[in-house]
Protein backbone atom coordinates (compact mmCIF):
# COMPACT_ATOMS: atom_id res chain seq x y z
CA MET A 1 -3.38 50.23 -40.23
CA PHE A 2 -0.63 47.76 -39.43
CA ARG A 3 -1.22 44.10 -40.40
CA CYS A 4 0.92 41.07 -39.84
CA PRO A 5 -0.45 38.13 -41.83
CA ARG A 6 2.02 35.72 -40.26
CA LEU A 7 1.11 36.60 -36.66
CA PRO A 8 -1.84 34.13 -36.46
CA GLN A 9 0.42 31.37 -37.80
CA VAL A 10 3.14 32.19 -35.24
CA LEU A 11 0.57 32.27 -32.45
CA ALA A 12 -0.92 28.98 -33.58
CA CYS A 13 2.51 27.32 -33.65
CA SER A 14 3.36 28.72 -30.23
CA LEU A 15 0.05 27.54 -28.80
CA PHE A 16 0.53 24.08 -30.33
CA GLY A 17 4.04 23.86 -28.84
CA LEU A 18 2.77 24.93 -25.43
CA LEU A 19 -0.08 22.39 -25.51
CA ALA A 20 2.30 19.62 -26.58
CA SER A 21 4.68 20.38 -23.70
CA VAL A 22 1.79 20.46 -21.20
CA ALA A 23 0.46 17.15 -22.54
CA HIS A 24 3.92 15.61 -22.26
CA ALA A 25 4.31 16.90 -18.69
CA ALA A 26 0.87 15.51 -17.76
CA THR A 27 1.76 12.00 -18.98
CA PRO A 28 3.32 10.22 -16.02
CA SER A 29 6.36 8.08 -16.50
CA PRO A 30 5.81 4.37 -16.02
CA ALA A 31 5.91 3.10 -12.46
CA PRO A 32 9.13 1.40 -11.40
CA GLU A 33 9.11 -2.37 -11.67
CA THR A 34 9.66 -2.61 -7.91
CA LEU A 35 6.24 -1.16 -7.02
CA GLN A 36 3.87 -3.92 -8.16
CA PRO A 37 5.60 -6.77 -6.26
CA LEU A 38 5.59 -4.61 -3.13
CA LEU A 39 1.88 -3.88 -3.51
CA ASN A 40 1.12 -7.54 -4.19
CA THR A 41 2.85 -8.55 -0.96
CA ILE A 42 1.02 -5.86 1.01
CA ASN A 43 -2.25 -7.08 -0.50
CA GLU A 44 -1.39 -10.71 0.29
CA ARG A 45 -0.82 -9.70 3.91
CA LEU A 46 -4.23 -8.01 3.94
CA ASP A 47 -5.87 -11.18 2.63
CA ILE A 48 -4.47 -12.97 5.67
CA ALA A 49 -6.31 -10.44 7.85
CA ASP A 50 -9.57 -12.08 6.74
CA LEU A 51 -8.36 -15.41 8.07
CA VAL A 52 -7.01 -13.89 11.27
CA ALA A 53 -10.42 -12.30 11.83
CA LEU A 54 -12.05 -15.74 11.47
CA ALA A 55 -9.60 -17.26 13.96
CA LYS A 56 -10.19 -14.45 16.43
CA TRP A 57 -13.97 -14.66 15.93
CA ASP A 58 -13.90 -18.35 16.85
CA SER A 59 -11.45 -18.00 19.74
CA GLY A 60 -12.90 -14.80 21.14
CA LYS A 61 -9.40 -13.28 21.22
CA PRO A 62 -9.27 -9.50 20.92
CA ILE A 63 -8.10 -7.92 17.70
CA GLN A 64 -5.61 -5.74 19.52
CA ASP A 65 -2.54 -7.84 20.37
CA THR A 66 0.04 -5.38 21.66
CA ALA A 67 2.65 -8.03 22.45
CA ARG A 68 2.49 -9.48 18.92
CA GLU A 69 2.54 -6.03 17.33
CA THR A 70 5.58 -5.01 19.37
CA LEU A 71 7.35 -8.21 18.38
CA LEU A 72 6.65 -7.61 14.66
CA ILE A 73 7.86 -4.02 14.81
CA ASN A 74 11.01 -4.96 16.74
CA ASN A 75 11.71 -7.76 14.24
CA ALA A 76 11.28 -5.26 11.41
CA ARG A 77 13.90 -3.00 12.97
CA LYS A 78 16.33 -5.92 13.17
CA GLN A 79 15.58 -7.11 9.63
CA ALA A 80 16.00 -3.59 8.29
CA THR A 81 19.75 -3.55 8.71
CA GLY A 82 20.06 -6.70 6.59
CA SER A 83 17.84 -5.13 3.93
CA ASN A 84 19.62 -1.76 3.87
CA VAL A 85 16.49 -0.01 5.11
CA ASN A 86 16.35 2.65 7.80
CA PRO A 87 15.11 0.84 10.95
CA ASP A 88 12.64 3.64 11.74
CA GLU A 89 11.19 3.45 8.22
CA ALA A 90 10.90 -0.33 8.52
CA ALA A 91 9.10 0.05 11.83
CA ASP A 92 6.72 2.62 10.31
CA LEU A 93 6.04 0.37 7.31
CA ILE A 94 5.20 -2.63 9.48
CA ALA A 95 3.13 -0.50 11.87
CA ALA A 96 1.09 0.65 8.86
CA GLN A 97 0.58 -2.98 7.82
CA ILE A 98 -0.56 -3.89 11.32
CA GLU A 99 -3.04 -0.99 11.43
CA ALA A 100 -4.39 -1.90 7.98
CA ASN A 101 -4.81 -5.53 9.06
CA LYS A 102 -6.65 -4.49 12.20
CA LEU A 103 -8.91 -2.27 10.09
CA VAL A 104 -9.93 -5.33 8.05
CA GLN A 105 -10.38 -7.45 11.18
CA TYR A 106 -12.54 -4.85 12.95
CA GLY A 107 -14.61 -4.33 9.81
CA LEU A 108 -15.22 -8.02 9.18
CA ILE A 109 -16.00 -8.85 12.78
CA ALA A 110 -18.45 -5.94 12.92
CA GLN A 111 -20.18 -7.31 9.80
CA TRP A 112 -20.32 -10.79 11.31
CA GLN A 113 -21.66 -9.46 14.59
CA ALA A 114 -24.43 -7.66 12.72
CA ALA A 115 -25.26 -10.88 10.84
CA HIS A 116 -24.88 -12.98 14.03
CA LYS A 117 -22.52 -15.33 12.20
CA ALA A 118 -19.22 -15.55 10.41
CA PRO A 119 -18.81 -17.10 6.96
CA ASP A 120 -18.91 -20.86 6.76
CA LEU A 121 -15.29 -21.34 5.71
CA PRO A 122 -12.53 -23.67 6.89
CA ARG A 123 -11.10 -22.31 10.09
CA PRO A 124 -7.43 -21.36 10.00
CA ASP A 125 -4.84 -22.02 12.68
CA LEU A 126 -3.68 -18.67 14.09
CA THR A 127 -0.15 -20.03 14.64
CA GLN A 128 0.16 -20.95 10.95
CA LEU A 129 -1.19 -17.57 9.93
CA ARG A 130 1.39 -15.81 12.07
CA ALA A 131 4.17 -17.87 10.49
CA LYS A 132 2.90 -16.75 7.06
CA GLN A 133 2.85 -13.12 8.25
CA ASP A 134 6.46 -13.46 9.39
CA GLU A 135 7.45 -14.81 5.98
CA LEU A 136 5.62 -11.97 4.24
CA GLN A 137 7.29 -9.42 6.50
CA ALA A 138 10.76 -10.51 5.37
CA ARG A 139 9.70 -10.36 1.70
CA LEU A 140 7.96 -7.02 2.26
CA LEU A 141 11.10 -5.43 3.70
CA GLN A 142 13.23 -6.68 0.78
CA GLN A 143 10.74 -5.31 -1.74
CA TYR A 144 10.48 -2.06 0.18
CA ALA A 145 14.28 -1.70 0.08
CA ALA A 146 14.14 -1.98 -3.72
CA PHE A 147 11.40 0.67 -3.88
CA VAL A 148 12.97 3.19 -1.46
CA PRO A 149 14.80 5.23 -4.18
CA TYR A 150 11.45 5.95 -5.87
CA ARG A 151 9.62 7.16 -2.75
CA VAL A 152 10.62 10.78 -3.37
CA ASP A 153 9.77 10.86 -7.07
CA PRO A 154 7.08 13.49 -7.72
CA GLU A 155 5.10 10.89 -9.71
CA CYS A 156 5.10 8.34 -6.87
CA PRO A 157 1.54 9.17 -5.70
CA GLN A 158 0.20 8.72 -9.26
CA TRP A 159 2.01 5.38 -9.69
CA LEU A 160 0.71 4.20 -6.35
CA ALA A 161 -2.88 5.23 -7.02
CA ALA A 162 -2.94 3.59 -10.45
CA GLN A 163 -1.42 0.27 -9.36
CA ARG A 164 -3.26 0.13 -6.06
CA SER A 165 -6.65 0.56 -7.74
CA ASP A 166 -6.24 -2.74 -9.59
CA LEU A 167 -5.94 -4.60 -6.26
CA ILE A 168 -9.03 -3.25 -4.49
CA LYS A 169 -11.74 -5.90 -4.12
CA ASP A 170 -14.22 -4.05 -1.86
CA ALA A 171 -14.54 -0.85 0.17
CA LEU A 172 -13.15 -2.31 3.41
CA HIS A 173 -10.09 -3.83 1.79
CA GLY A 174 -9.66 -0.69 -0.33
CA GLN A 175 -9.48 1.49 2.77
CA ALA A 176 -7.08 -0.97 4.38
CA LEU A 177 -4.86 -0.99 1.29
CA ILE A 178 -4.81 2.81 1.29
CA ARG A 179 -3.81 2.73 4.96
CA ALA A 180 -1.12 0.10 4.34
CA THR A 181 0.43 2.13 1.50
CA GLY A 182 -0.26 5.62 2.79
CA GLU A 183 3.35 6.44 3.55
CA LEU A 184 5.10 4.73 0.64
CA CYS A 185 5.51 8.05 -1.19
CA ILE A 186 7.24 11.03 0.37
CA THR A 187 5.64 14.19 -0.98
CA ASP A 188 6.68 16.82 1.56
CA LEU A 189 10.44 17.26 1.33
């Protein structure tokens, strides 16, 4: 009968090498430094949605504001050229932010309607909030421009999920943050 005493050792070394390469492939590379500032700005914009909801609760204004949304998207297209961003991508990014903000507003107002009251907090001025949103939009587009080269990286969804999870404060804002960042990574080339 044929025996090869070294065969188990060769197999063990091969298996160890295979496992090491799989473990290395499963360890994602660190996220680019441009991602966290972008996510922080998106999250800051979502925090403003809470205040906008309060202002709209008090004023009775509807959440949907088509004229304001159109203005923001058109401004994003104009700002995109100065930020070296594709105008259509800038419009999509800002549209996602608007939808995420409305998600928060609808959710909070529904909670307040069920409770028959809004929180007892200082009431914001909607005009000042909009000025802050405009400032954030300019910063958001600059940060997005810095992140664009990483959008197609195969590890982008893992980076996004890991860094986004640290920002989630509750289910409503978590869903809104997912909506706001849903198209940051391009996975279907």
